[in-house]
Amino acid sequence: MRVHHNWHPDNLPIVDYSLDRAVIDWLQEFMEPHLDIVEFGSGTGTPRLTSAGHKVVSIEHDPKWVQKESILVPVENGWYSHDHLKPIIQKSCDLIIVDGTPTIGGRDLIFDWYKIPEVKSWFQKATVIIDDTDSELNGKPVLEKFVALGWKIIFDENPRWTVIQWG
């Protein structure tokens, strides 16, 4: 379900864990303009992506983070509901951003979803940015697991996020 309302950064918690501005700069330098992006975890970085000319669908479970680019998706078994994501993964995208964690279980619960063949295939066709790779609880274990599965690091010069591609 796509939700439209008057999203504004002032309505969000004071602590800002948003996508690093350097991600936008990297995209402008190394990727094609006007990317189709799927972002797991909406926030103040989402409007930065759209302002840079990208088409963004942001998957979010928490209504307070939902904005015009967001689809509100419930959490099932620690990750976003596969049934709700089926329409998303049936469309190709250029970039997937793993930023945000839906539950206390952490972002590594994405791998229970990634095991589904259609999800794995969808991921492998896109470039992936893992955010918060400086975090032992969130991004770092996800990055390490993707690399163990055969993904290659193509950019890791910023300690907060890493870019990977399949193969």
Foldseek 3Di string as FASTA:
>chain_A
DADADPQDQVLDDPDAPDDDPVVLVCCVVPHDAAWEEEEEDAAPCVVVNVVSRYQYEYEDQDVNRHHRNYDHFHDDPFHGDPVVCVVVLVDATAEYEYGDGHDPQEPVCVVVVCPPVSNVVRQQNYKYKQFQCVDPGYRVVNVVVVVVVAWDWPDCPDNGMTIIHHD
